[in-house]
Amino acid sequence: MVLVGVIVLIVVLVKAVSGRSPNTAGPDNSRGPGTGGGRAREILEERYARGELSTEEYRERLRILEEDGR
């Protein structure tokens, strides 16, 4: 679980440094910039990386975000 957290943290940091959204090519961007789909996922990843969420909480919230984006 710690390894997963470290990997997520690295991904979040790389994306923050590169200035790219995690869903730059995904369907969530069809709603336009600043609509929250990609940013919500970033926040979720950051909270998981900081250990604020368990793996189960992270997966459940991610599933909900993906369902809302469809």
C-alpha atoms as a PDB file:
ATOM      1  CA  MET A   1       0.000   0.000   0.000  1.00  0.00           C
ATOM      2  CA  VAL A   2       2.867   2.354   0.751  1.00  0.00           C
ATOM      3  CA  LEU A   3       4.396   1.538  -2.628  1.00  0.00           C
ATOM      4  CA  VAL A   4       1.140   2.450  -4.384  1.00  0.00           C
ATOM      5  CA  GLY A   5       1.054   5.738  -2.479  1.00  0.00           C
ATOM      6  CA  VAL A   6       4.612   6.543  -3.501  1.00  0.00           C
ATOM      7  CA  ILE A   7       3.838   5.756  -7.150  1.00  0.00           C
ATOM      8  CA  VAL A   8       0.720   7.951  -7.105  1.00  0.00           C
ATOM      9  CA  LEU A   9       2.709  10.755  -5.481  1.00  0.00           C
ATOM     10  CA  ILE A  10       5.379  10.521  -8.180  1.00  0.00           C
ATOM     11  CA  VAL A  11       2.740  10.627 -10.918  1.00  0.00           C
ATOM     12  CA  VAL A  12       1.074  13.658  -9.338  1.00  0.00           C
ATOM     13  CA  LEU A  13       4.395  15.465  -8.970  1.00  0.00           C
ATOM     14  CA  VAL A  14       5.432  14.738 -12.557  1.00  0.00           C
ATOM     15  CA  LYS A  15       2.092  16.030 -13.833  1.00  0.00           C
ATOM     16  CA  ALA A  16       2.347  19.126 -11.646  1.00  0.00           C
ATOM     17  CA  VAL A  17       5.839  19.894 -12.943  1.00  0.00           C
ATOM     18  CA  SER A  18       4.872  19.301 -16.574  1.00  0.00           C
ATOM     19  CA  GLY A  19       1.724  21.417 -16.153  1.00  0.00           C
ATOM     20  CA  ARG A  20      -0.491  18.835 -17.829  1.00  0.00           C
ATOM     21  CA  SER A  21      -3.900  17.658 -16.734  1.00  0.00           C
ATOM     22  CA  PRO A  22      -4.243  13.883 -16.214  1.00  0.00           C
ATOM     23  CA  ASN A  23      -7.052  13.753 -18.792  1.00  0.00           C
ATOM     24  CA  THR A  24      -5.664  15.974 -21.541  1.00  0.00           C
ATOM     25  CA  ALA A  25      -6.750  13.555 -24.256  1.00  0.00           C
ATOM     26  CA  GLY A  26      -9.706  12.025 -22.465  1.00  0.00           C
ATOM     27  CA  PRO A  27     -13.409  12.532 -22.958  1.00  0.00           C
ATOM     28  CA  ASP A  28     -13.730  14.604 -19.770  1.00  0.00           C
ATOM     29  CA  ASN A  29     -12.225  17.588 -21.564  1.00  0.00           C
ATOM     30  CA  SER A  30     -15.168  17.748 -23.962  1.00  0.00           C
ATOM     31  CA  ARG A  31     -16.988  19.738 -21.283  1.00  0.00           C
ATOM     32  CA  GLY A  32     -14.380  22.469 -21.444  1.00  0.00           C
ATOM     33  CA  PRO A  33     -11.572  23.676 -19.182  1.00  0.00           C
ATOM     34  CA  GLY A  34     -12.188  24.185 -15.506  1.00  0.00           C
ATOM     35  CA  THR A  35     -15.272  21.996 -15.324  1.00  0.00           C
ATOM     36  CA  GLY A  36     -13.795  19.825 -12.608  1.00  0.00           C
ATOM     37  CA  GLY A  37     -13.505  16.342 -14.138  1.00  0.00           C
ATOM     38  CA  GLY A  38      -9.731  16.262 -14.399  1.00  0.00           C
ATOM     39  CA  ARG A  39      -9.146  18.444 -11.364  1.00  0.00           C
ATOM     40  CA  ALA A  40     -11.354  16.246  -9.187  1.00  0.00           C
ATOM     41  CA  ARG A  41      -9.240  13.249 -10.118  1.00  0.00           C
ATOM     42  CA  GLU A  42      -6.038  15.183  -9.368  1.00  0.00           C
ATOM     43  CA  ILE A  43      -7.335  16.095  -5.924  1.00  0.00           C
ATOM     44  CA  LEU A  44      -8.322  12.488  -5.292  1.00  0.00           C
ATOM     45  CA  GLU A  45      -4.849  11.292  -6.315  1.00  0.00           C
ATOM     46  CA  GLU A  46      -3.193  13.891  -4.095  1.00  0.00           C
ATOM     47  CA  ARG A  47      -5.309  12.935  -1.073  1.00  0.00           C
ATOM     48  CA  TYR A  48      -4.549   9.257  -1.634  1.00  0.00           C
ATOM     49  CA  ALA A  49      -0.835   9.982  -1.987  1.00  0.00           C
ATOM     50  CA  ARG A  50      -0.865  11.908   1.296  1.00  0.00           C
ATOM     51  CA  GLY A  51      -2.528   8.952   3.015  1.00  0.00           C
ATOM     52  CA  GLU A  52      -5.802  10.765   3.689  1.00  0.00           C
ATOM     53  CA  LEU A  53      -7.733   7.982   1.938  1.00  0.00           C
ATOM     54  CA  SER A  54      -7.476   4.209   2.223  1.00  0.00           C
ATOM     55  CA  THR A  55      -7.143   2.160  -0.936  1.00  0.00           C
ATOM     56  CA  GLU A  56     -10.797   1.168  -0.683  1.00  0.00           C
ATOM     57  CA  GLU A  57     -11.931   4.795  -0.308  1.00  0.00           C
ATOM     58  CA  TYR A  58      -9.729   5.859  -3.219  1.00  0.00           C
ATOM     59  CA  ARG A  59     -11.065   3.149  -5.535  1.00  0.00           C
ATOM     60  CA  GLU A  60     -14.697   3.837  -4.604  1.00  0.00           C
ATOM     61  CA  ARG A  61     -14.379   7.587  -5.150  1.00  0.00           C
ATOM     62  CA  LEU A  62     -12.502   7.050  -8.406  1.00  0.00           C
ATOM     63  CA  ARG A  63     -15.275   4.727  -9.598  1.00  0.00           C
ATOM     64  CA  ILE A  64     -17.868   7.394  -8.760  1.00  0.00           C
ATOM     65  CA  LEU A  65     -15.897  10.075 -10.619  1.00  0.00           C
ATOM     66  CA  GLU A  66     -15.615   7.847 -13.693  1.00  0.00           C
ATOM     67  CA  GLU A  67     -19.366   7.102 -13.630  1.00  0.00           C
ATOM     68  CA  ASP A  68     -20.201  10.817 -13.342  1.00  0.00           C
ATOM     69  CA  GLY A  69     -17.951  11.604 -16.310  1.00  0.00           C
ATOM     70  CA  ARG A  70     -19.914   9.369 -18.696  1.00  0.00           C
END
